[in-house]
Amino acid sequence: MLNLYSGRSNGFSGEDVATVESFAAQAASSLRLILRISQLREARNDLTAAMQSRTVIDMAVGAIMAQNRCDRDTAFSILTRASSTRNIKLRDVAATVITSISGEERITAYFDE
């Protein structure tokens, strides 16, 4: 909401009111655009984090499959059971599995933007 005040009665002409209404419409449009950009940036960051987590989980599932000579579902079940019994997030358990095999402290995935 935009409030304008004048020190005298009928202090604004019709042209003044039209100018202010135009300014208010432009300002509202700019604010909507800023909010939309912020929402899209947040969504992109969330998707990137999800893809990063998924990559680490998939790598760990593959490692468990190789070590235990089992199928994907069984390997994923082993990983989720370890997550549940230790009360640790699945992606953190997966990162621990990959770190124990590769020795790398930080597992990264690269995505084109």
C-alpha atoms as a PDB file:
ATOM      1  CA  MET A   1       0.000   0.000   0.000  1.00  0.00           C
ATOM      2  CA  LEU A   2       1.232   3.460  -0.852  1.00  0.00           C
ATOM      3  CA  ASN A   3      -0.018   6.497   1.090  1.00  0.00           C
ATOM      4  CA  LEU A   4       0.445  10.086  -0.009  1.00  0.00           C
ATOM      5  CA  TYR A   5      -0.279  13.113   2.136  1.00  0.00           C
ATOM      6  CA  SER A   6      -0.753  16.754   1.333  1.00  0.00           C
ATOM      7  CA  GLY A   7      -0.740  19.772   3.617  1.00  0.00           C
ATOM      8  CA  ARG A   8      -3.836  21.181   1.920  1.00  0.00           C
ATOM      9  CA  SER A   9      -7.238  19.964   0.840  1.00  0.00           C
ATOM     10  CA  ASN A  10      -7.401  18.488  -2.677  1.00  0.00           C
ATOM     11  CA  GLY A  11      -3.605  18.757  -2.792  1.00  0.00           C
ATOM     12  CA  PHE A  12      -3.215  16.347  -5.699  1.00  0.00           C
ATOM     13  CA  SER A  13      -4.329  16.844  -9.259  1.00  0.00           C
ATOM     14  CA  GLY A  14      -5.689  14.083 -11.451  1.00  0.00           C
ATOM     15  CA  GLU A  15      -2.323  13.973 -13.202  1.00  0.00           C
ATOM     16  CA  ASP A  16      -0.541  13.558  -9.838  1.00  0.00           C
ATOM     17  CA  VAL A  17      -2.803  10.632  -8.936  1.00  0.00           C
ATOM     18  CA  ALA A  18      -2.251   8.990 -12.340  1.00  0.00           C
ATOM     19  CA  THR A  19       1.533   9.386 -11.984  1.00  0.00           C
ATOM     20  CA  VAL A  20       1.502   7.836  -8.499  1.00  0.00           C
ATOM     21  CA  GLU A  21      -0.726   4.963  -9.644  1.00  0.00           C
ATOM     22  CA  SER A  22       1.654   4.281 -12.518  1.00  0.00           C
ATOM     23  CA  PHE A  23       4.631   4.344 -10.148  1.00  0.00           C
ATOM     24  CA  ALA A  24       2.859   1.994  -7.720  1.00  0.00           C
ATOM     25  CA  ALA A  25       2.068  -0.466 -10.530  1.00  0.00           C
ATOM     26  CA  GLN A  26       5.705  -0.454 -11.680  1.00  0.00           C
ATOM     27  CA  ALA A  27       6.972  -0.907  -8.129  1.00  0.00           C
ATOM     28  CA  ALA A  28       4.570  -3.816  -7.533  1.00  0.00           C
ATOM     29  CA  SER A  29       5.692  -5.434 -10.775  1.00  0.00           C
ATOM     30  CA  SER A  30       9.345  -5.103  -9.745  1.00  0.00           C
ATOM     31  CA  LEU A  31       8.638  -6.624  -6.338  1.00  0.00           C
ATOM     32  CA  ARG A  32       6.808  -9.583  -7.924  1.00  0.00           C
ATOM     33  CA  LEU A  33       9.795 -10.149 -10.222  1.00  0.00           C
ATOM     34  CA  ILE A  34      12.251 -10.039  -7.309  1.00  0.00           C
ATOM     35  CA  LEU A  35      10.155 -12.540  -5.351  1.00  0.00           C
ATOM     36  CA  ARG A  36       9.934 -14.874  -8.356  1.00  0.00           C
ATOM     37  CA  ILE A  37      13.691 -14.730  -8.943  1.00  0.00           C
ATOM     38  CA  SER A  38      14.276 -15.511  -5.270  1.00  0.00           C
ATOM     39  CA  GLN A  39      11.881 -18.489  -5.405  1.00  0.00           C
ATOM     40  CA  LEU A  40      13.557 -19.836  -8.539  1.00  0.00           C
ATOM     41  CA  ARG A  41      17.010 -19.465  -6.991  1.00  0.00           C
ATOM     42  CA  GLU A  42      15.860 -21.368  -3.903  1.00  0.00           C
ATOM     43  CA  ALA A  43      14.332 -24.115  -6.048  1.00  0.00           C
ATOM     44  CA  ARG A  44      17.556 -24.405  -8.067  1.00  0.00           C
ATOM     45  CA  ASN A  45      19.625 -24.683  -4.898  1.00  0.00           C
ATOM     46  CA  ASP A  46      17.271 -27.343  -3.507  1.00  0.00           C
ATOM     47  CA  LEU A  47      17.444 -29.353  -6.729  1.00  0.00           C
ATOM     48  CA  THR A  48      21.241 -29.111  -6.834  1.00  0.00           C
ATOM     49  CA  ALA A  49      21.454 -30.357  -3.238  1.00  0.00           C
ATOM     50  CA  ALA A  50      19.049 -33.204  -4.027  1.00  0.00           C
ATOM     51  CA  MET A  51      21.063 -34.204  -7.093  1.00  0.00           C
ATOM     52  CA  GLN A  52      24.275 -34.076  -5.052  1.00  0.00           C
ATOM     53  CA  SER A  53      22.752 -36.313  -2.366  1.00  0.00           C
ATOM     54  CA  ARG A  54      21.343 -38.680  -4.967  1.00  0.00           C
ATOM     55  CA  THR A  55      24.738 -39.008  -6.651  1.00  0.00           C
ATOM     56  CA  VAL A  56      26.445 -39.940  -3.382  1.00  0.00           C
ATOM     57  CA  ILE A  57      23.678 -42.411  -2.532  1.00  0.00           C
ATOM     58  CA  ASP A  58      23.890 -44.026  -5.978  1.00  0.00           C
ATOM     59  CA  MET A  59      27.676 -44.328  -5.677  1.00  0.00           C
ATOM     60  CA  ALA A  60      27.317 -46.023  -2.275  1.00  0.00           C
ATOM     61  CA  VAL A  61      24.650 -48.380  -3.604  1.00  0.00           C
ATOM     62  CA  GLY A  62      27.009 -49.346  -6.428  1.00  0.00           C
ATOM     63  CA  ALA A  63      29.840 -49.966  -3.967  1.00  0.00           C
ATOM     64  CA  ILE A  64      27.611 -52.117  -1.756  1.00  0.00           C
ATOM     65  CA  MET A  65      26.447 -54.061  -4.823  1.00  0.00           C
ATOM     66  CA  ALA A  66      30.063 -54.758  -5.762  1.00  0.00           C
ATOM     67  CA  GLN A  67      31.142 -55.739  -2.254  1.00  0.00           C
ATOM     68  CA  ASN A  68      28.141 -57.947  -1.513  1.00  0.00           C
ATOM     69  CA  ARG A  69      27.418 -59.165  -5.053  1.00  0.00           C
ATOM     70  CA  CYS A  70      23.787 -58.225  -4.719  1.00  0.00           C
ATOM     71  CA  ASP A  71      21.201 -56.349  -6.758  1.00  0.00           C
ATOM     72  CA  ARG A  72      20.381 -52.664  -6.458  1.00  0.00           C
ATOM     73  CA  ASP A  73      17.305 -53.123  -4.263  1.00  0.00           C
ATOM     74  CA  THR A  74      19.219 -55.240  -1.758  1.00  0.00           C
ATOM     75  CA  ALA A  75      22.104 -52.775  -1.676  1.00  0.00           C
ATOM     76  CA  PHE A  76      19.721 -49.857  -1.165  1.00  0.00           C
ATOM     77  CA  SER A  77      18.008 -51.813   1.608  1.00  0.00           C
ATOM     78  CA  ILE A  78      21.362 -52.369   3.337  1.00  0.00           C
ATOM     79  CA  LEU A  79      22.086 -48.646   3.111  1.00  0.00           C
ATOM     80  CA  THR A  80      18.666 -47.574   4.426  1.00  0.00           C
ATOM     81  CA  ARG A  81      18.822 -50.109   7.251  1.00  0.00           C
ATOM     82  CA  ALA A  82      22.234 -48.717   8.293  1.00  0.00           C
ATOM     83  CA  SER A  83      20.759 -45.221   8.173  1.00  0.00           C
ATOM     84  CA  SER A  84      17.776 -46.230  10.314  1.00  0.00           C
ATOM     85  CA  THR A  85      19.649 -48.198  12.952  1.00  0.00           C
ATOM     86  CA  ARG A  86      22.256 -45.462  13.384  1.00  0.00           C
ATOM     87  CA  ASN A  87      19.702 -42.658  13.135  1.00  0.00           C
ATOM     88  CA  ILE A  88      21.889 -40.915  10.553  1.00  0.00           C
ATOM     89  CA  LYS A  89      20.667 -39.358   7.322  1.00  0.00           C
ATOM     90  CA  LEU A  90      20.894 -41.652   4.316  1.00  0.00           C
ATOM     91  CA  ARG A  91      23.171 -39.289   2.388  1.00  0.00           C
ATOM     92  CA  ASP A  92      25.582 -39.128   5.349  1.00  0.00           C
ATOM     93  CA  VAL A  93      25.755 -42.929   5.613  1.00  0.00           C
ATOM     94  CA  ALA A  94      26.325 -43.087   1.850  1.00  0.00           C
ATOM     95  CA  ALA A  95      29.111 -40.495   2.094  1.00  0.00           C
ATOM     96  CA  THR A  96      30.748 -42.537   4.858  1.00  0.00           C
ATOM     97  CA  VAL A  97      30.643 -45.648   2.665  1.00  0.00           C
ATOM     98  CA  ILE A  98      32.254 -43.816  -0.251  1.00  0.00           C
ATOM     99  CA  THR A  99      34.841 -42.169   1.999  1.00  0.00           C
ATOM    100  CA  SER A 100      35.796 -45.518   3.519  1.00  0.00           C
ATOM    101  CA  ILE A 101      36.372 -46.976   0.045  1.00  0.00           C
ATOM    102  CA  SER A 102      37.945 -44.036  -1.766  1.00  0.00           C
ATOM    103  CA  GLY A 103      39.625 -42.198   1.079  1.00  0.00           C
ATOM    104  CA  GLU A 104      38.186 -38.924  -0.247  1.00  0.00           C
ATOM    105  CA  GLU A 105      36.739 -36.724   2.465  1.00  0.00           C
ATOM    106  CA  ARG A 106      34.514 -34.725   0.142  1.00  0.00           C
ATOM    107  CA  ILE A 107      32.508 -36.297  -2.645  1.00  0.00           C
ATOM    108  CA  THR A 108      31.325 -33.827  -5.240  1.00  0.00           C
ATOM    109  CA  ALA A 109      29.199 -34.060  -8.325  1.00  0.00           C
ATOM    110  CA  TYR A 110      29.345 -31.504 -11.097  1.00  0.00           C
ATOM    111  CA  PHE A 111      26.276 -30.311 -12.940  1.00  0.00           C
ATOM    112  CA  ASP A 112      26.091 -27.966 -15.902  1.00  0.00           C
ATOM    113  CA  GLU A 113      24.121 -24.835 -15.156  1.00  0.00           C
END
